Amino acid sequence: MVLKVNEKSVAAEPMNAGVTRQRLLRVGREGDGDVRLERLTLAAGVSTRFEPSAKSLVWLHMLAGETKLETHYRERLSDTHSALLPPGFPATISTHHAASLLCVEIPDAGCLDKGFSNTTPLFTLIGWTREPVFKSRSDGRMRVALVSPELCHTAAIKIHMVIYPPGSTASSYHHEDAASFMYILSGRGEAWANDERLPIQPGDVVYFRARERHYLKAADDSELRFLVFYARGEFKTIWADPSKASGWISTELDINGYLPAEDERERRAFNDRLR
């Protein structure tokens, strides 16, 4: 059965001085480990530290405000940025003004990625508005890869930014060997799971178990923007009607219509230096 929660209904818990968290989702199957999704709120002038263990992965995505990310270097983050922290790769987020972000943690990534012990995931910092956009062959839906085996060298999780123009919808489908969940960033619409209709709005988290048939539709007067997470990052999609499968092709441009190649080269060169 589909699971849905809105962040407004989840109590905020203190983490340390000036930092609170909301535990939006914690899911897992026996033998498959846990995946945890939290929303963190930071007051002005505070910092919080992330210390992935030797078995874990942490992914951060800015929702509002600006922060500084300190690792081997220092980088300013805005609401267009996300970062994957590999095992044993600590980082500190600090603020000048108040900010909020999402945090996904996989405590035991080896349960979701069979090659985890043989391949070291990469620290990956992405400004999604400068990444290549993939567009559906059949309509105007778009997606941008934020975490993938190709980008980050881990198959434990895959994460995309997805944009549905007003009124657009996907055909019904399900995933083999991977659960998926979504965090709604903006817009309105509805999610359908096994013929059950669920209205969706900003702050909603919707979780679909593996093999649970589902699809989303944007409201006719509202662009729908959301993050989608797949745990595992390698899986097979099964369409109820194969003739209506979404075929994603690269536009070779970013969301603003510019060439993303220079940013890609810089990011990949930085990743190469950390191998």
C-alpha atoms as a PDB file:
ATOM      1  CA  MET A   1       0.000   0.000   0.000  1.00  0.00           C
ATOM      2  CA  VAL A   2       1.283   3.460  -0.943  1.00  0.00           C
ATOM      3  CA  LEU A   3       2.578   5.664   1.885  1.00  0.00           C
ATOM      4  CA  LYS A   4       2.108   9.440   1.911  1.00  0.00           C
ATOM      5  CA  VAL A   5       3.075  12.084   4.466  1.00  0.00           C
ATOM      6  CA  ASN A   6       3.371  15.877   4.384  1.00  0.00           C
ATOM      7  CA  GLU A   7       6.233  17.580   6.180  1.00  0.00           C
ATOM      8  CA  LYS A   8       3.817  19.932   7.967  1.00  0.00           C
ATOM      9  CA  SER A   9       2.422  16.947   9.884  1.00  0.00           C
ATOM     10  CA  VAL A  10       5.868  15.804  11.082  1.00  0.00           C
ATOM     11  CA  ALA A  11       7.175  17.236  14.368  1.00  0.00           C
ATOM     12  CA  ALA A  12      10.554  18.982  14.380  1.00  0.00           C
ATOM     13  CA  GLU A  13      13.136  17.514  16.756  1.00  0.00           C
ATOM     14  CA  PRO A  14      16.229  19.376  18.014  1.00  0.00           C
ATOM     15  CA  MET A  15      19.540  17.988  16.708  1.00  0.00           C
ATOM     16  CA  ASN A  16      21.927  20.566  18.154  1.00  0.00           C
ATOM     17  CA  ALA A  17      21.864  24.294  18.867  1.00  0.00           C
ATOM     18  CA  GLY A  18      19.898  26.026  16.108  1.00  0.00           C
ATOM     19  CA  VAL A  19      19.287  22.858  14.065  1.00  0.00           C
ATOM     20  CA  THR A  20      16.085  20.806  13.936  1.00  0.00           C
ATOM     21  CA  ARG A  21      15.099  17.794  11.867  1.00  0.00           C
ATOM     22  CA  GLN A  22      11.871  16.214  10.684  1.00  0.00           C
ATOM     23  CA  ARG A  23      11.978  12.473  10.054  1.00  0.00           C
ATOM     24  CA  LEU A  24       9.936  12.267   6.871  1.00  0.00           C
ATOM     25  CA  LEU A  25      10.581   8.682   5.869  1.00  0.00           C
ATOM     26  CA  ARG A  26      12.410   5.585   7.047  1.00  0.00           C
ATOM     27  CA  VAL A  27      11.865   2.489   4.976  1.00  0.00           C
ATOM     28  CA  GLY A  28      13.595  -0.808   4.299  1.00  0.00           C
ATOM     29  CA  ARG A  29      13.091  -4.464   3.597  1.00  0.00           C
ATOM     30  CA  GLU A  30      14.749  -7.260   5.503  1.00  0.00           C
ATOM     31  CA  GLY A  31      18.198  -7.767   3.997  1.00  0.00           C
ATOM     32  CA  ASP A  32      17.926  -4.528   2.022  1.00  0.00           C
ATOM     33  CA  GLY A  33      18.908  -2.034   4.718  1.00  0.00           C
ATOM     34  CA  ASP A  34      17.330   1.316   5.483  1.00  0.00           C
ATOM     35  CA  VAL A  35      16.798   4.513   3.542  1.00  0.00           C
ATOM     36  CA  ARG A  36      16.084   7.592   5.637  1.00  0.00           C
ATOM     37  CA  LEU A  37      14.768  10.956   4.474  1.00  0.00           C
ATOM     38  CA  GLU A  38      14.890  13.979   6.782  1.00  0.00           C
ATOM     39  CA  ARG A  39      14.254  17.697   6.429  1.00  0.00           C
ATOM     40  CA  LEU A  40      16.742  19.857   8.323  1.00  0.00           C
ATOM     41  CA  THR A  41      16.135  23.481   9.323  1.00  0.00           C
ATOM     42  CA  LEU A  42      19.132  25.610  10.299  1.00  0.00           C
ATOM     43  CA  ALA A  43      18.892  28.944  12.096  1.00  0.00           C
ATOM     44  CA  ALA A  44      21.175  31.840  11.182  1.00  0.00           C
ATOM     45  CA  GLY A  45      24.795  31.521  12.220  1.00  0.00           C
ATOM     46  CA  VAL A  46      24.885  27.787  13.003  1.00  0.00           C
ATOM     47  CA  SER A  47      26.624  24.737  11.603  1.00  0.00           C
ATOM     48  CA  THR A  48      26.026  20.997  11.538  1.00  0.00           C
ATOM     49  CA  ARG A  49      28.387  18.173  10.623  1.00  0.00           C
ATOM     50  CA  PHE A  50      27.753  15.058   8.553  1.00  0.00           C
ATOM     51  CA  GLU A  51      30.017  12.054   9.051  1.00  0.00           C
ATOM     52  CA  PRO A  52      29.127   9.081   6.836  1.00  0.00           C
ATOM     53  CA  SER A  53      30.456   5.803   8.225  1.00  0.00           C
ATOM     54  CA  ALA A  54      32.575   3.380   6.212  1.00  0.00           C
ATOM     55  CA  LYS A  55      29.347   1.668   5.074  1.00  0.00           C
ATOM     56  CA  SER A  56      27.015   4.614   4.527  1.00  0.00           C
ATOM     57  CA  LEU A  57      26.090   7.286   1.999  1.00  0.00           C
ATOM     58  CA  VAL A  58      24.638  10.728   2.688  1.00  0.00           C
ATOM     59  CA  TRP A  59      22.976  12.991   0.110  1.00  0.00           C
ATOM     60  CA  LEU A  60      22.138  16.650   0.778  1.00  0.00           C
ATOM     61  CA  HIS A  61      19.863  18.916  -1.244  1.00  0.00           C
ATOM     62  CA  MET A  62      19.265  22.578  -0.485  1.00  0.00           C
ATOM     63  CA  LEU A  63      15.614  23.627  -0.275  1.00  0.00           C
ATOM     64  CA  ALA A  64      15.845  27.284   0.751  1.00  0.00           C
ATOM     65  CA  GLY A  65      18.484  29.817   1.721  1.00  0.00           C
ATOM     66  CA  GLU A  66      22.238  29.638   1.252  1.00  0.00           C
ATOM     67  CA  THR A  67      24.899  27.705   3.146  1.00  0.00           C
ATOM     68  CA  LYS A  68      28.609  26.949   3.043  1.00  0.00           C
ATOM     69  CA  LEU A  69      29.718  23.383   2.488  1.00  0.00           C
ATOM     70  CA  GLU A  70      33.152  22.626   3.909  1.00  0.00           C
ATOM     71  CA  THR A  71      34.963  19.428   2.890  1.00  0.00           C
ATOM     72  CA  HIS A  72      38.417  19.456   1.308  1.00  0.00           C
ATOM     73  CA  TYR A  73      37.444  22.891   0.082  1.00  0.00           C
ATOM     74  CA  ARG A  74      34.670  25.410   0.695  1.00  0.00           C
ATOM     75  CA  GLU A  75      31.693  25.941  -1.593  1.00  0.00           C
ATOM     76  CA  ARG A  76      28.592  28.133  -1.431  1.00  0.00           C
ATOM     77  CA  LEU A  77      25.334  26.221  -1.821  1.00  0.00           C
ATOM     78  CA  SER A  78      21.970  27.603  -2.910  1.00  0.00           C
ATOM     79  CA  ASP A  79      18.642  25.916  -3.632  1.00  0.00           C
ATOM     80  CA  THR A  80      20.011  24.621  -6.948  1.00  0.00           C
ATOM     81  CA  HIS A  81      22.709  22.489  -5.303  1.00  0.00           C
ATOM     82  CA  SER A  82      23.015  18.949  -3.987  1.00  0.00           C
ATOM     83  CA  ALA A  83      25.963  16.866  -2.809  1.00  0.00           C
ATOM     84  CA  LEU A  84      26.637  13.149  -2.386  1.00  0.00           C
ATOM     85  CA  LEU A  85      28.991  12.342   0.513  1.00  0.00           C
ATOM     86  CA  PRO A  86      30.714   8.958   0.078  1.00  0.00           C
ATOM     87  CA  PRO A  87      31.716   6.666   2.932  1.00  0.00           C
ATOM     88  CA  GLY A  88      34.087   8.227   5.440  1.00  0.00           C
ATOM     89  CA  PHE A  89      33.798  11.664   3.779  1.00  0.00           C
ATOM     90  CA  PRO A  90      32.836  14.238   6.456  1.00  0.00           C
ATOM     91  CA  ALA A  91      31.358  17.618   5.627  1.00  0.00           C
ATOM     92  CA  THR A  92      30.077  20.630   7.532  1.00  0.00           C
ATOM     93  CA  ILE A  93      27.164  22.870   6.523  1.00  0.00           C
ATOM     94  CA  SER A  94      27.116  26.373   8.022  1.00  0.00           C
ATOM     95  CA  THR A  95      24.766  29.321   7.629  1.00  0.00           C
ATOM     96  CA  HIS A  96      24.819  33.088   7.725  1.00  0.00           C
ATOM     97  CA  HIS A  97      21.038  33.317   7.380  1.00  0.00           C
ATOM     98  CA  ALA A  98      18.401  30.629   8.023  1.00  0.00           C
ATOM     99  CA  ALA A  99      18.257  27.734   5.551  1.00  0.00           C
ATOM    100  CA  SER A 100      16.661  24.321   5.013  1.00  0.00           C
ATOM    101  CA  LEU A 101      17.734  21.162   3.233  1.00  0.00           C
ATOM    102  CA  LEU A 102      16.868  17.533   2.645  1.00  0.00           C
ATOM    103  CA  CYS A 103      19.130  14.771   3.911  1.00  0.00           C
ATOM    104  CA  VAL A 104      18.970  11.193   2.613  1.00  0.00           C
ATOM    105  CA  GLU A 105      21.019   8.587   4.468  1.00  0.00           C
ATOM    106  CA  ILE A 106      21.651   4.959   3.561  1.00  0.00           C
ATOM    107  CA  PRO A 107      23.296   3.475   6.685  1.00  0.00           C
ATOM    108  CA  ASP A 108      24.388   0.264   4.931  1.00  0.00           C
ATOM    109  CA  ALA A 109      24.758   0.975   1.215  1.00  0.00           C
ATOM    110  CA  GLY A 110      26.187  -2.473   0.525  1.00  0.00           C
ATOM    111  CA  CYS A 111      22.719  -3.957   0.997  1.00  0.00           C
ATOM    112  CA  LEU A 112      21.540  -1.990  -2.056  1.00  0.00           C
ATOM    113  CA  ASP A 113      24.732  -2.042  -4.126  1.00  0.00           C
ATOM    114  CA  LYS A 114      26.427  -5.425  -4.605  1.00  0.00           C
ATOM    115  CA  GLY A 115      29.598  -3.766  -5.857  1.00  0.00           C
ATOM    116  CA  PHE A 116      29.813  -1.285  -2.994  1.00  0.00           C
ATOM    117  CA  SER A 117      32.834  -2.935  -1.359  1.00  0.00           C
ATOM    118  CA  ASN A 118      34.773  -2.962  -4.645  1.00  0.00           C
ATOM    119  CA  THR A 119      34.020   0.520  -6.014  1.00  0.00           C
ATOM    120  CA  THR A 120      34.454   3.731  -4.057  1.00  0.00           C
ATOM    121  CA  PRO A 121      31.562   6.169  -4.632  1.00  0.00           C
ATOM    122  CA  LEU A 122      32.560   9.683  -5.654  1.00  0.00           C
ATOM    123  CA  PHE A 123      31.967  12.910  -3.810  1.00  0.00           C
ATOM    124  CA  THR A 124      29.686  14.696  -6.259  1.00  0.00           C
ATOM    125  CA  LEU A 125      28.547  18.313  -6.025  1.00  0.00           C
ATOM    126  CA  ILE A 126      25.907  19.300  -8.554  1.00  0.00           C
ATOM    127  CA  GLY A 127      24.152  22.516  -9.486  1.00  0.00           C
ATOM    128  CA  TRP A 128      21.189  20.941 -11.215  1.00  0.00           C
ATOM    129  CA  THR A 129      20.352  23.960 -13.391  1.00  0.00           C
ATOM    130  CA  ARG A 130      23.711  23.475 -15.157  1.00  0.00           C
ATOM    131  CA  GLU A 131      23.239  19.751 -15.830  1.00  0.00           C
ATOM    132  CA  PRO A 132      21.924  18.196 -19.079  1.00  0.00           C
ATOM    133  CA  VAL A 133      18.146  17.947 -19.317  1.00  0.00           C
ATOM    134  CA  PHE A 134      16.516  14.751 -20.561  1.00  0.00           C
ATOM    135  CA  LYS A 135      13.115  15.124 -22.171  1.00  0.00           C
ATOM    136  CA  SER A 136      10.368  12.566 -22.730  1.00  0.00           C
ATOM    137  CA  ARG A 137       9.954  11.557 -26.369  1.00  0.00           C
ATOM    138  CA  SER A 138       6.170  11.707 -26.069  1.00  0.00           C
ATOM    139  CA  ASP A 139       5.548  14.986 -24.192  1.00  0.00           C
ATOM    140  CA  GLY A 140       7.172  17.915 -22.383  1.00  0.00           C
ATOM    141  CA  ARG A 141       8.190  16.129 -19.171  1.00  0.00           C
ATOM    142  CA  MET A 142      11.841  16.670 -18.189  1.00  0.00           C
ATOM    143  CA  ARG A 143      14.345  15.164 -15.779  1.00  0.00           C
ATOM    144  CA  VAL A 144      17.883  15.882 -14.616  1.00  0.00           C
ATOM    145  CA  ALA A 145      20.154  13.240 -13.058  1.00  0.00           C
ATOM    146  CA  LEU A 146      21.501  14.183  -9.620  1.00  0.00           C
ATOM    147  CA  VAL A 147      22.769  10.782  -8.444  1.00  0.00           C
ATOM    148  CA  SER A 148      23.360   7.823 -10.749  1.00  0.00           C
ATOM    149  CA  PRO A 149      25.835   4.955 -11.139  1.00  0.00           C
ATOM    150  CA  GLU A 150      27.467   6.848 -14.019  1.00  0.00           C
ATOM    151  CA  LEU A 151      27.884  10.121 -12.108  1.00  0.00           C
ATOM    152  CA  CYS A 152      28.641   8.878  -8.604  1.00  0.00           C
ATOM    153  CA  HIS A 153      29.915   5.300  -9.003  1.00  0.00           C
ATOM    154  CA  THR A 154      27.281   3.753  -6.751  1.00  0.00           C
ATOM    155  CA  ALA A 155      24.182   1.720  -7.563  1.00  0.00           C
ATOM    156  CA  ALA A 156      22.729   2.032  -4.063  1.00  0.00           C
ATOM    157  CA  ILE A 157      20.433   4.895  -5.053  1.00  0.00           C
ATOM    158  CA  LYS A 158      19.408   6.953  -8.062  1.00  0.00           C
ATOM    159  CA  ILE A 159      17.988  10.480  -7.719  1.00  0.00           C
ATOM    160  CA  HIS A 160      16.448  12.745 -10.369  1.00  0.00           C
ATOM    161  CA  MET A 161      14.914  16.208 -10.474  1.00  0.00           C
ATOM    162  CA  VAL A 162      11.671  15.844 -12.461  1.00  0.00           C
ATOM    163  CA  ILE A 163       9.459  18.526 -14.036  1.00  0.00           C
ATOM    164  CA  TYR A 164       5.950  17.913 -15.360  1.00  0.00           C
ATOM    165  CA  PRO A 165       4.404  20.772 -17.394  1.00  0.00           C
ATOM    166  CA  PRO A 166       0.775  21.626 -16.518  1.00  0.00           C
ATOM    167  CA  GLY A 167      -1.611  18.793 -17.365  1.00  0.00           C
ATOM    168  CA  SER A 168       1.085  16.268 -18.266  1.00  0.00           C
ATOM    169  CA  THR A 169       1.085  12.693 -17.050  1.00  0.00           C
ATOM    170  CA  ALA A 170       3.021   9.440 -17.388  1.00  0.00           C
ATOM    171  CA  SER A 171       1.579   6.070 -18.266  1.00  0.00           C
ATOM    172  CA  SER A 172       1.159   3.502 -15.476  1.00  0.00           C
ATOM    173  CA  TYR A 173       4.282   1.491 -14.554  1.00  0.00           C
ATOM    174  CA  HIS A 174       6.112  -0.272 -11.745  1.00  0.00           C
ATOM    175  CA  HIS A 175       9.738  -1.030 -10.863  1.00  0.00           C
ATOM    176  CA  GLU A 176      11.265  -4.466 -10.403  1.00  0.00           C
ATOM    177  CA  ASP A 177      13.696  -4.736  -7.469  1.00  0.00           C
ATOM    178  CA  ALA A 178      13.528  -1.068  -6.441  1.00  0.00           C
ATOM    179  CA  ALA A 179      11.273   0.997  -4.227  1.00  0.00           C
ATOM    180  CA  SER A 180      10.788   4.647  -5.166  1.00  0.00           C
ATOM    181  CA  PHE A 181       9.703   7.735  -3.304  1.00  0.00           C
ATOM    182  CA  MET A 182       9.099  11.352  -4.219  1.00  0.00           C
ATOM    183  CA  TYR A 183       9.411  14.696  -2.472  1.00  0.00           C
ATOM    184  CA  ILE A 184       7.168  17.357  -3.997  1.00  0.00           C
ATOM    185  CA  LEU A 185       9.027  20.665  -4.353  1.00  0.00           C
ATOM    186  CA  SER A 186       6.393  22.818  -6.054  1.00  0.00           C
ATOM    187  CA  GLY A 187       3.103  22.663  -7.890  1.00  0.00           C
ATOM    188  CA  ARG A 188       0.070  20.437  -7.486  1.00  0.00           C
ATOM    189  CA  GLY A 189      -1.208  17.241  -8.991  1.00  0.00           C
ATOM    190  CA  GLU A 190      -2.159  13.705  -8.127  1.00  0.00           C
ATOM    191  CA  ALA A 191      -0.436  10.369  -7.668  1.00  0.00           C
ATOM    192  CA  TRP A 192      -2.131   7.109  -8.595  1.00  0.00           C
ATOM    193  CA  ALA A 193      -1.090   3.831  -6.958  1.00  0.00           C
ATOM    194  CA  ASN A 194      -2.948   0.633  -7.862  1.00  0.00           C
ATOM    195  CA  ASP A 195      -5.978   2.758  -8.865  1.00  0.00           C
ATOM    196  CA  GLU A 196      -5.901   4.754  -5.590  1.00  0.00           C
ATOM    197  CA  ARG A 197      -5.865   8.535  -6.163  1.00  0.00           C
ATOM    198  CA  LEU A 198      -3.771  10.763  -3.869  1.00  0.00           C
ATOM    199  CA  PRO A 199      -3.744  14.569  -4.233  1.00  0.00           C
ATOM    200  CA  ILE A 200      -0.184  15.909  -3.945  1.00  0.00           C
ATOM    201  CA  GLN A 201       1.202  19.314  -2.975  1.00  0.00           C
ATOM    202  CA  PRO A 202       4.537  20.852  -1.872  1.00  0.00           C
ATOM    203  CA  GLY A 203       6.102  19.075   1.096  1.00  0.00           C
ATOM    204  CA  ASP A 204       4.443  15.740   0.347  1.00  0.00           C
ATOM    205  CA  VAL A 205       6.497  12.542   0.423  1.00  0.00           C
ATOM    206  CA  VAL A 206       4.962   9.640  -1.519  1.00  0.00           C
ATOM    207  CA  TYR A 207       6.498   6.160  -1.227  1.00  0.00           C
ATOM    208  CA  PHE A 208       5.860   3.288  -3.651  1.00  0.00           C
ATOM    209  CA  ARG A 209       7.037  -0.217  -2.863  1.00  0.00           C
ATOM    210  CA  ALA A 210       8.764  -2.330  -5.483  1.00  0.00           C
ATOM    211  CA  ARG A 211       6.233  -3.741  -7.970  1.00  0.00           C
ATOM    212  CA  GLU A 212       3.563  -1.230  -6.895  1.00  0.00           C
ATOM    213  CA  ARG A 213       1.954   0.131 -10.055  1.00  0.00           C
ATOM    214  CA  HIS A 214       1.767   3.947 -10.089  1.00  0.00           C
ATOM    215  CA  TYR A 215       1.988   7.197 -12.050  1.00  0.00           C
ATOM    216  CA  LEU A 216       1.746  10.967 -11.501  1.00  0.00           C
ATOM    217  CA  LYS A 217      -0.228  13.749 -13.147  1.00  0.00           C
ATOM    218  CA  ALA A 218       0.322  17.502 -12.910  1.00  0.00           C
ATOM    219  CA  ALA A 219      -2.691  19.757 -12.324  1.00  0.00           C
ATOM    220  CA  ASP A 220      -3.939  21.460 -15.492  1.00  0.00           C
ATOM    221  CA  ASP A 221      -2.946  24.879 -14.155  1.00  0.00           C
ATOM    222  CA  SER A 222       0.260  23.981 -12.330  1.00  0.00           C
ATOM    223  CA  GLU A 223       3.758  22.818 -13.248  1.00  0.00           C
ATOM    224  CA  LEU A 224       4.743  19.932 -10.961  1.00  0.00           C
ATOM    225  CA  ARG A 225       8.348  19.727  -9.778  1.00  0.00           C
ATOM    226  CA  PHE A 226       9.658  16.940  -7.551  1.00  0.00           C
ATOM    227  CA  LEU A 227      12.644  14.835  -6.559  1.00  0.00           C
ATOM    228  CA  VAL A 228      12.378  11.113  -7.226  1.00  0.00           C
ATOM    229  CA  PHE A 229      14.523   8.545  -5.414  1.00  0.00           C
ATOM    230  CA  TYR A 230      15.067   4.917  -6.402  1.00  0.00           C
ATOM    231  CA  ALA A 231      16.516   2.458  -3.909  1.00  0.00           C
ATOM    232  CA  ARG A 232      18.225   0.483  -5.587  1.00  0.00           C
ATOM    233  CA  GLY A 233      19.773   2.599  -8.305  1.00  0.00           C
ATOM    234  CA  GLU A 234      19.701  -0.228 -10.860  1.00  0.00           C
ATOM    235  CA  PHE A 235      16.289  -1.708 -11.687  1.00  0.00           C
ATOM    236  CA  LYS A 236      13.864  -2.523 -14.464  1.00  0.00           C
ATOM    237  CA  THR A 237      10.762  -0.457 -15.264  1.00  0.00           C
ATOM    238  CA  ILE A 238       7.680  -2.398 -16.382  1.00  0.00           C
ATOM    239  CA  TRP A 239       4.991  -0.437 -18.228  1.00  0.00           C
ATOM    240  CA  ALA A 240       1.328  -1.422 -18.098  1.00  0.00           C
ATOM    241  CA  ASP A 241       1.177  -0.501 -21.796  1.00  0.00           C
ATOM    242  CA  PRO A 242       4.669  -0.874 -23.327  1.00  0.00           C
ATOM    243  CA  SER A 243       3.661   1.280 -26.293  1.00  0.00           C
ATOM    244  CA  LYS A 244       3.336   4.246 -23.898  1.00  0.00           C
ATOM    245  CA  ALA A 245       6.731   3.869 -22.217  1.00  0.00           C
ATOM    246  CA  SER A 246       8.568   7.135 -21.569  1.00  0.00           C
ATOM    247  CA  GLY A 247      11.662   7.373 -23.721  1.00  0.00           C
ATOM    248  CA  TRP A 248      14.140   9.884 -22.314  1.00  0.00           C
ATOM    249  CA  ILE A 249      16.535  11.627 -24.702  1.00  0.00           C
ATOM    250  CA  SER A 250      19.173  14.213 -23.858  1.00  0.00           C
ATOM    251  CA  THR A 251      18.543  17.754 -25.054  1.00  0.00           C
ATOM    252  CA  GLU A 252      22.297  18.393 -24.588  1.00  0.00           C
ATOM    253  CA  LEU A 253      21.279  21.676 -22.935  1.00  0.00           C
ATOM    254  CA  ASP A 254      20.627  22.736 -19.351  1.00  0.00           C
ATOM    255  CA  ILE A 255      17.248  23.914 -18.059  1.00  0.00           C
ATOM    256  CA  ASN A 256      17.996  27.479 -19.215  1.00  0.00           C
ATOM    257  CA  GLY A 257      18.903  26.397 -22.736  1.00  0.00           C
ATOM    258  CA  TYR A 258      22.683  26.755 -22.366  1.00  0.00           C
ATOM    259  CA  LEU A 259      25.394  24.216 -23.097  1.00  0.00           C
ATOM    260  CA  PRO A 260      26.307  22.381 -19.856  1.00  0.00           C
ATOM    261  CA  ALA A 261      29.526  20.828 -21.200  1.00  0.00           C
ATOM    262  CA  GLU A 262      32.002  23.111 -19.401  1.00  0.00           C
ATOM    263  CA  ASP A 263      30.401  22.541 -15.998  1.00  0.00           C
ATOM    264  CA  GLU A 264      30.308  18.794 -16.661  1.00  0.00           C
ATOM    265  CA  ARG A 265      33.997  18.724 -17.522  1.00  0.00           C
ATOM    266  CA  GLU A 266      34.894  20.706 -14.396  1.00  0.00           C
ATOM    267  CA  ARG A 267      32.798  18.450 -12.119  1.00  0.00           C
ATOM    268  CA  ARG A 268      34.134  15.237 -13.595  1.00  0.00           C
ATOM    269  CA  ALA A 269      37.711  16.507 -13.459  1.00  0.00           C
ATOM    270  CA  PHE A 270      37.209  17.272  -9.771  1.00  0.00           C
ATOM    271  CA  ASN A 271      35.806  13.804  -9.175  1.00  0.00           C
ATOM    272  CA  ASP A 272      38.799  12.284 -10.965  1.00  0.00           C
ATOM    273  CA  ARG A 273      41.151  14.078  -8.567  1.00  0.00           C
ATOM    274  CA  LEU A 274      39.353  12.473  -5.591  1.00  0.00           C
ATOM    275  CA  ARG A 275      39.575   8.874  -6.845  1.00  0.00           C
END
